[in-house]
Protein backbone atom coordinates (compact mmCIF):
# COMPACT_ATOMS: atom_id res chain seq x y z
CA MET A 1 128.55 95.76 -65.26
CA SER A 2 129.91 97.16 -62.09
CA SER A 3 131.24 94.92 -59.34
CA LYS A 4 129.18 96.75 -56.73
CA GLN A 5 125.81 95.78 -58.14
CA PRO A 6 124.24 92.64 -56.82
CA VAL A 7 124.10 89.83 -59.27
CA LYS A 8 120.62 88.78 -60.12
CA SER A 9 120.20 85.31 -61.30
CA ILE A 10 117.11 83.50 -62.29
CA ILE A 11 117.47 79.85 -61.64
CA LEU A 12 114.99 77.74 -63.49
CA LEU A 13 113.71 74.54 -62.08
CA PRO A 14 114.99 71.44 -63.86
CA ARG A 15 112.94 70.60 -66.89
CA THR A 16 111.10 67.39 -66.98
CA ILE A 17 111.80 65.53 -70.13
CA LEU A 18 108.73 64.06 -71.66
CA ILE A 19 109.43 60.77 -73.28
CA GLN A 20 106.63 60.21 -75.63
CA GLU A 21 105.96 56.55 -75.98
CA MET A 22 104.98 55.58 -79.44
CA PRO A 23 102.37 52.89 -79.83
CA ALA A 24 103.66 49.53 -80.92
CA ARG A 25 103.89 49.25 -84.67
CA ALA A 26 100.95 47.45 -86.08
CA THR A 27 102.16 44.82 -88.45
CA LYS A 28 99.93 43.71 -91.24
CA PRO A 29 98.43 40.34 -90.52
CA LEU A 30 99.77 37.46 -92.58
CA SER A 31 96.31 36.66 -93.87
CA ASN A 32 92.64 37.47 -93.51
CA ILE A 33 91.90 33.73 -93.49
CA ILE A 34 94.70 31.76 -91.79
CA ASN A 35 97.03 32.33 -88.85
CA HIS A 36 100.62 31.30 -88.12
CA GLU A 37 99.49 27.97 -86.61
CA TYR A 38 98.02 27.00 -89.97
CA VAL A 39 101.23 28.10 -91.71
CA ALA A 40 103.15 25.73 -89.43
CA GLU A 41 100.71 22.91 -90.19
CA ILE A 42 100.80 23.45 -93.98
CA SER A 43 104.61 23.74 -93.85
CA SER A 44 104.83 20.37 -92.11
CA TRP A 45 102.66 18.85 -94.86
CA ILE A 46 104.92 20.33 -97.55
CA ASP A 47 107.89 18.61 -95.89
CA ARG A 48 105.87 15.41 -95.24
CA LYS A 49 106.47 15.65 -91.49
CA SER A 50 104.40 13.46 -89.17
CA SER A 51 104.20 16.19 -86.52
CA ILE A 52 103.41 19.86 -86.93
CA TYR A 53 106.27 22.37 -86.84
CA SER A 54 106.32 24.68 -83.85
CA LEU A 55 105.68 28.35 -84.55
CA THR A 56 109.35 29.13 -83.90
CA ASN A 57 110.84 26.58 -86.29
CA THR A 58 108.55 26.83 -89.31
CA PRO A 59 110.99 26.66 -92.26
CA TYR A 60 108.86 28.66 -94.71
CA LYS A 61 107.63 32.20 -95.10
CA PHE A 62 104.28 32.70 -96.82
CA GLN A 63 104.38 35.79 -99.04
CA LEU A 64 100.98 37.07 -100.16
CA ILE A 65 100.77 37.51 -103.94
CA LEU A 66 96.99 37.66 -104.42
CA ARG A 67 93.95 38.42 -102.26
CA GLY A 68 90.57 38.06 -103.92
CA SER A 69 88.94 40.83 -101.86
CA ILE A 70 91.61 43.26 -103.12
CA ASN A 71 92.61 41.95 -106.56
CA GLY A 72 89.27 40.44 -107.57
CA LEU A 73 87.69 37.01 -107.43
CA ALA A 74 87.65 36.37 -111.18
CA SER A 75 89.47 33.26 -112.44
CA GLN A 76 91.39 35.36 -114.96
CA THR A 77 92.84 37.42 -112.09
CA PHE A 78 94.34 34.23 -110.68
CA TRP A 79 95.96 33.27 -114.00
CA ASP A 80 97.26 36.78 -114.68
CA THR A 81 98.75 37.17 -111.19
CA CYS A 82 100.09 33.68 -110.52
CA HIS A 83 101.63 32.99 -113.95
CA GLY A 84 105.33 32.21 -113.45
CA HIS A 85 105.10 31.61 -109.68
CA ALA A 86 106.13 28.22 -108.28
CA SER A 87 105.57 26.72 -104.86
CA THR A 88 102.25 28.33 -103.98
CA VAL A 89 99.49 27.78 -101.45
CA ILE A 90 95.93 28.81 -102.25
CA ILE A 91 93.61 29.41 -99.28
CA MET A 92 89.81 29.79 -99.69
CA LYS A 93 87.21 30.74 -97.07
CA VAL A 94 83.96 28.87 -97.80
CA LYS A 95 80.79 30.95 -97.62
CA GLY A 96 78.35 30.02 -94.84
CA THR A 97 80.71 27.58 -93.09
CA GLU A 98 83.77 27.63 -90.88
CA GLU A 99 85.69 25.70 -93.54
CA ILE A 100 88.96 26.81 -95.06
CA LEU A 101 89.98 24.93 -98.20
CA GLY A 102 93.38 25.03 -99.80
CA ASP A 103 96.00 23.45 -101.95
CA TYR A 104 99.73 23.38 -102.41
CA ASN A 105 101.33 23.39 -105.86
CA PRO A 106 105.12 22.99 -106.09
CA LEU A 107 105.06 23.56 -109.87
CA ILE A 108 105.24 26.83 -111.80
CA TRP A 109 101.83 28.20 -112.76
CA ASN A 110 101.92 28.49 -116.52
CA ALA A 111 98.97 30.35 -118.01
CA ASN A 112 99.98 29.12 -121.47
CA ASN A 113 99.97 25.42 -120.55
CA TYR A 114 96.74 23.47 -121.06
CA GLY A 115 96.06 20.09 -119.46
CA CYS A 116 97.24 17.97 -116.56
CA ARG A 117 100.54 18.57 -114.81
CA LYS A 118 102.58 15.86 -113.09
CA THR A 119 103.76 15.98 -109.49
CA SER A 120 103.67 13.78 -106.41
CA ASP A 121 104.10 16.72 -104.05
CA SER A 122 100.87 18.69 -104.44
CA PHE A 123 97.95 18.24 -102.05
CA ILE A 124 94.61 19.70 -101.07
CA PHE A 125 93.35 20.25 -97.54
CA LEU A 126 90.45 21.30 -95.36
CA LEU A 127 91.08 23.36 -92.24
CA LYS A 128 88.31 23.59 -89.68
CA ASN A 129 88.47 27.21 -88.56
CA GLY A 130 89.49 27.27 -84.91
CA ASP A 131 89.96 23.49 -84.76
CA ILE A 132 93.46 22.62 -86.02
CA GLN A 133 93.18 19.01 -84.75
CA ASN A 134 90.47 18.14 -87.30
CA SER A 135 92.23 19.28 -90.47
CA ILE A 136 92.02 16.94 -93.46
CA LEU A 137 94.93 16.40 -95.86
CA SER A 138 94.58 14.66 -99.22
CA ARG A 139 97.76 13.97 -101.19
CA VAL A 140 98.11 13.17 -104.87
CA LYS A 141 97.76 9.48 -105.62
CA ILE A 142 97.99 9.60 -109.42
CA ARG A 143 100.86 11.98 -110.15
CA GLU A 144 100.02 12.29 -113.87
CA ASN A 145 96.68 13.95 -113.02
CA ALA A 146 97.82 16.11 -110.10
CA ILE A 147 96.85 19.57 -111.37
CA TRP A 148 94.71 20.62 -114.32
CA ASN A 149 95.50 23.95 -116.01
CA ALA A 150 92.86 25.74 -118.06
CA GLY A 151 93.91 26.74 -121.55
CA LYS A 152 94.05 30.43 -122.52
CA SER A 153 90.54 30.30 -124.00
CA ASN A 154 89.05 28.88 -120.76
CA GLN A 155 90.90 30.88 -118.11
CA ALA A 156 88.10 33.38 -117.65
CA ASN A 157 85.83 30.49 -116.63
CA TYR A 158 88.10 28.03 -114.83
CA SER A 159 90.49 28.14 -111.92
CA PRO A 160 93.03 25.36 -111.35
CA TYR A 161 91.50 21.99 -110.62
CA PHE A 162 92.94 19.62 -108.00
CA GLU A 163 90.40 16.80 -107.71
CA ASN A 164 92.10 14.24 -109.98
CA GLY A 165 93.78 11.23 -108.40
CA LEU A 166 93.80 12.25 -104.73
CA ASP A 167 93.92 10.07 -101.60
CA SER A 168 90.45 10.95 -100.39
CA PRO A 169 87.79 13.67 -100.65
CA ILE A 170 88.03 16.56 -98.21
CA ARG A 171 84.33 17.57 -98.44
CA THR A 172 81.05 15.78 -98.99
CA THR A 173 80.20 18.06 -101.92
CA ASN A 174 82.29 19.77 -104.58
CA SER A 175 79.84 22.66 -104.90
CA PHE A 176 80.53 25.72 -102.75
CA SER A 177 80.98 29.49 -102.89
CA ILE A 178 83.90 31.38 -101.44
CA VAL A 179 83.94 34.59 -99.44
CA ASP A 180 87.60 35.31 -100.20
CA TYR A 181 90.77 33.60 -101.30
CA GLU A 182 94.49 34.24 -100.97
CA VAL A 183 97.51 32.93 -102.84
CA PHE A 184 100.88 32.75 -101.11
CA LYS A 185 104.31 32.09 -102.53
CA VAL A 186 106.07 29.62 -100.22
CA ILE A 187 109.65 30.76 -99.61
CA LYS A 188 112.28 28.73 -97.75
CA LYS A 189 113.65 30.79 -94.83
CA THR A 190 117.37 31.39 -94.75
CA SER A 191 119.28 31.13 -91.49
């Protein structure tokens, strides 16, 4: 290039940097049936607290291990999936009502064990969907009859049974159909 030629320069305008905002990550909901307020309430019952935990200090995480609408509603599915799991909460959405029924079992589900299991810590409950103030809790009164396990030969026909020796009934009738149910493993949070 000779020094006598004019220098041509093309100056480009500054580029605008596009910052593409990604949509917020959608997290899977905890449950199709209950919300975090109910988790706080059930957690307070597990710990026998007189007041409900706040959402920020709930000491347990509920880990989904079974959802009827995905895994199947058959009783045998429950026994096959929950065998060996301890400290579980079962949640059931009652067909044709706003009722949510559930139970807490601190014991290990043992598909090979037939008969009643002993504990003072299990309970059943009724949650009125959208009305947390009117929940009903019924604790075990006769610990020897807390939970009934179906034997291997009856598991296709029977789910766990929690009606023996409780404080009080949670419904006026024991006959109902469910839309869906979920089983959660209750895990103590670490700091």
